[in-house]
Structures are given as structure tokens and as C-alpha cells.
Amino acid sequence: MTQVELKVKGMTCPHCEMRVRKALEAVSGVDSAKPDHKKGVAVVEVSGDVSAETLTKAVNDTGLYEATA
């Protein structure tokens, strides 16, 4: 299992965290995602070969947040 930390702009509340978590956990190979709107990060546990680019795309595709690796 590998841990990836993403910087996520635009999260302002726990509801935002839930949206980001759902977007990340929908990616095949993601075991869990723990976004933190106060820190502006999401810590993602992945198994297998999941790239940081795939994870940032999942967040950015929501149209509400901007993620970078």
C-alpha cells in the first residue's frame, strides 16, 4: 500500500471533504482518502499502480476543486 498526498484548493468545509473523498475513492485502486479542508490536503491510500496524475484528475474533474501532487 502506498500513501499519496495531494494539495487541494477550494475545500472550505466538511461537505467539500466528502465530495473530494468520494471522487478519489471512485478511482480503481484507491483504498481510502482522507481530505482535510483546514490543511488543504488529501491523503490517499492506494494499492496497485495508481498515479498521482490519475488522482488529481479525479479531483479536478469535479469542477469544484483544484488538486496538485
C-alpha atoms as a PDB file:
ATOM      1  CA  MET A   1       0.000   0.000   0.000  1.00  0.00           C
ATOM      2  CA  THR A   2       1.251   3.461  -0.898  1.00  0.00           C
ATOM      3  CA  GLN A   3       0.300   6.844   0.505  1.00  0.00           C
ATOM      4  CA  VAL A   4      -0.069   9.862  -1.782  1.00  0.00           C
ATOM      5  CA  GLU A   5      -0.622  13.389  -0.507  1.00  0.00           C
ATOM      6  CA  LEU A   6      -2.388  15.870  -2.766  1.00  0.00           C
ATOM      7  CA  LYS A   7      -2.741  19.596  -2.280  1.00  0.00           C
ATOM      8  CA  VAL A   8      -6.371  20.551  -2.829  1.00  0.00           C
ATOM      9  CA  LYS A   9      -7.539  24.140  -3.292  1.00  0.00           C
ATOM     10  CA  GLY A  10     -11.164  25.124  -2.853  1.00  0.00           C
ATOM     11  CA  MET A  11     -12.208  22.928   0.084  1.00  0.00           C
ATOM     12  CA  THR A  12     -13.886  25.087   2.725  1.00  0.00           C
ATOM     13  CA  CYS A  13     -15.962  22.706   4.840  1.00  0.00           C
ATOM     14  CA  PRO A  14     -16.595  19.068   5.790  1.00  0.00           C
ATOM     15  CA  HIS A  15     -19.058  18.756   2.900  1.00  0.00           C
ATOM     16  CA  CYS A  16     -16.233  19.642   0.500  1.00  0.00           C
ATOM     17  CA  GLU A  17     -14.126  16.928   2.127  1.00  0.00           C
ATOM     18  CA  MET A  18     -16.900  14.409   1.455  1.00  0.00           C
ATOM     19  CA  ARG A  19     -17.050  15.352  -2.249  1.00  0.00           C
ATOM     20  CA  VAL A  20     -13.289  15.037  -2.631  1.00  0.00           C
ATOM     21  CA  ARG A  21     -13.253  11.728  -0.732  1.00  0.00           C
ATOM     22  CA  LYS A  22     -15.998  10.278  -2.956  1.00  0.00           C
ATOM     23  CA  ALA A  23     -14.216  11.407  -6.135  1.00  0.00           C
ATOM     24  CA  LEU A  24     -10.946   9.828  -5.022  1.00  0.00           C
ATOM     25  CA  GLU A  25     -12.469   6.607  -3.701  1.00  0.00           C
ATOM     26  CA  ALA A  26     -14.231   6.109  -7.051  1.00  0.00           C
ATOM     27  CA  VAL A  27     -10.793   5.590  -8.642  1.00  0.00           C
ATOM     28  CA  SER A  28      -9.901   1.927  -9.049  1.00  0.00           C
ATOM     29  CA  GLY A  29      -7.021   1.052  -6.721  1.00  0.00           C
ATOM     30  CA  VAL A  30      -7.816   3.665  -4.072  1.00  0.00           C
ATOM     31  CA  ASP A  31      -8.335   2.072  -0.669  1.00  0.00           C
ATOM     32  CA  SER A  32      -9.156   5.241   1.253  1.00  0.00           C
ATOM     33  CA  ALA A  33      -8.970   9.010   1.031  1.00  0.00           C
ATOM     34  CA  LYS A  34      -8.782  11.448   3.917  1.00  0.00           C
ATOM     35  CA  PRO A  35      -9.214  15.061   2.798  1.00  0.00           C
ATOM     36  CA  ASP A  36      -8.662  17.874   5.315  1.00  0.00           C
ATOM     37  CA  HIS A  37     -10.125  21.239   4.324  1.00  0.00           C
ATOM     38  CA  LYS A  38      -8.256  23.083   7.088  1.00  0.00           C
ATOM     39  CA  LYS A  39      -4.871  21.867   5.840  1.00  0.00           C
ATOM     40  CA  GLY A  40      -5.862  21.887   2.151  1.00  0.00           C
ATOM     41  CA  VAL A  41      -4.648  18.344   1.567  1.00  0.00           C
ATOM     42  CA  ALA A  42      -5.972  14.879   0.841  1.00  0.00           C
ATOM     43  CA  VAL A  43      -4.046  11.804   1.961  1.00  0.00           C
ATOM     44  CA  VAL A  44      -4.839   8.869  -0.300  1.00  0.00           C
ATOM     45  CA  GLU A  45      -4.011   5.198   0.387  1.00  0.00           C
ATOM     46  CA  VAL A  46      -3.587   3.286  -2.857  1.00  0.00           C
ATOM     47  CA  SER A  47      -2.809  -0.297  -3.725  1.00  0.00           C
ATOM     48  CA  GLY A  48      -1.606  -1.227  -7.143  1.00  0.00           C
ATOM     49  CA  ASP A  49      -0.463   1.178  -9.796  1.00  0.00           C
ATOM     50  CA  VAL A  50      -2.415   4.419  -9.359  1.00  0.00           C
ATOM     51  CA  SER A  51      -0.601   7.551 -10.497  1.00  0.00           C
ATOM     52  CA  ALA A  52      -0.762  10.928  -8.806  1.00  0.00           C
ATOM     53  CA  GLU A  53      -1.971  12.313 -12.136  1.00  0.00           C
ATOM     54  CA  THR A  54      -4.974   9.975 -12.068  1.00  0.00           C
ATOM     55  CA  LEU A  55      -5.827  11.119  -8.548  1.00  0.00           C
ATOM     56  CA  THR A  56      -5.502  14.817  -9.330  1.00  0.00           C
ATOM     57  CA  LYS A  57      -7.653  14.355 -12.453  1.00  0.00           C
ATOM     58  CA  ALA A  58     -10.403  12.721 -10.358  1.00  0.00           C
ATOM     59  CA  VAL A  59     -10.497  15.747  -8.047  1.00  0.00           C
ATOM     60  CA  ASN A  60     -10.166  18.327 -10.819  1.00  0.00           C
ATOM     61  CA  ASP A  61     -12.951  16.652 -12.825  1.00  0.00           C
ATOM     62  CA  THR A  62     -15.432  17.574 -10.088  1.00  0.00           C
ATOM     63  CA  GLY A  63     -15.136  21.117 -11.397  1.00  0.00           C
ATOM     64  CA  LEU A  64     -15.121  22.429  -7.835  1.00  0.00           C
ATOM     65  CA  TYR A  65     -11.580  21.860  -6.572  1.00  0.00           C
ATOM     66  CA  GLU A  66      -8.033  22.085  -7.872  1.00  0.00           C
ATOM     67  CA  ALA A  67      -5.641  19.299  -6.903  1.00  0.00           C
ATOM     68  CA  THR A  68      -1.906  19.033  -7.443  1.00  0.00           C
ATOM     69  CA  ALA A  69       0.529  16.307  -6.463  1.00  0.00           C
END
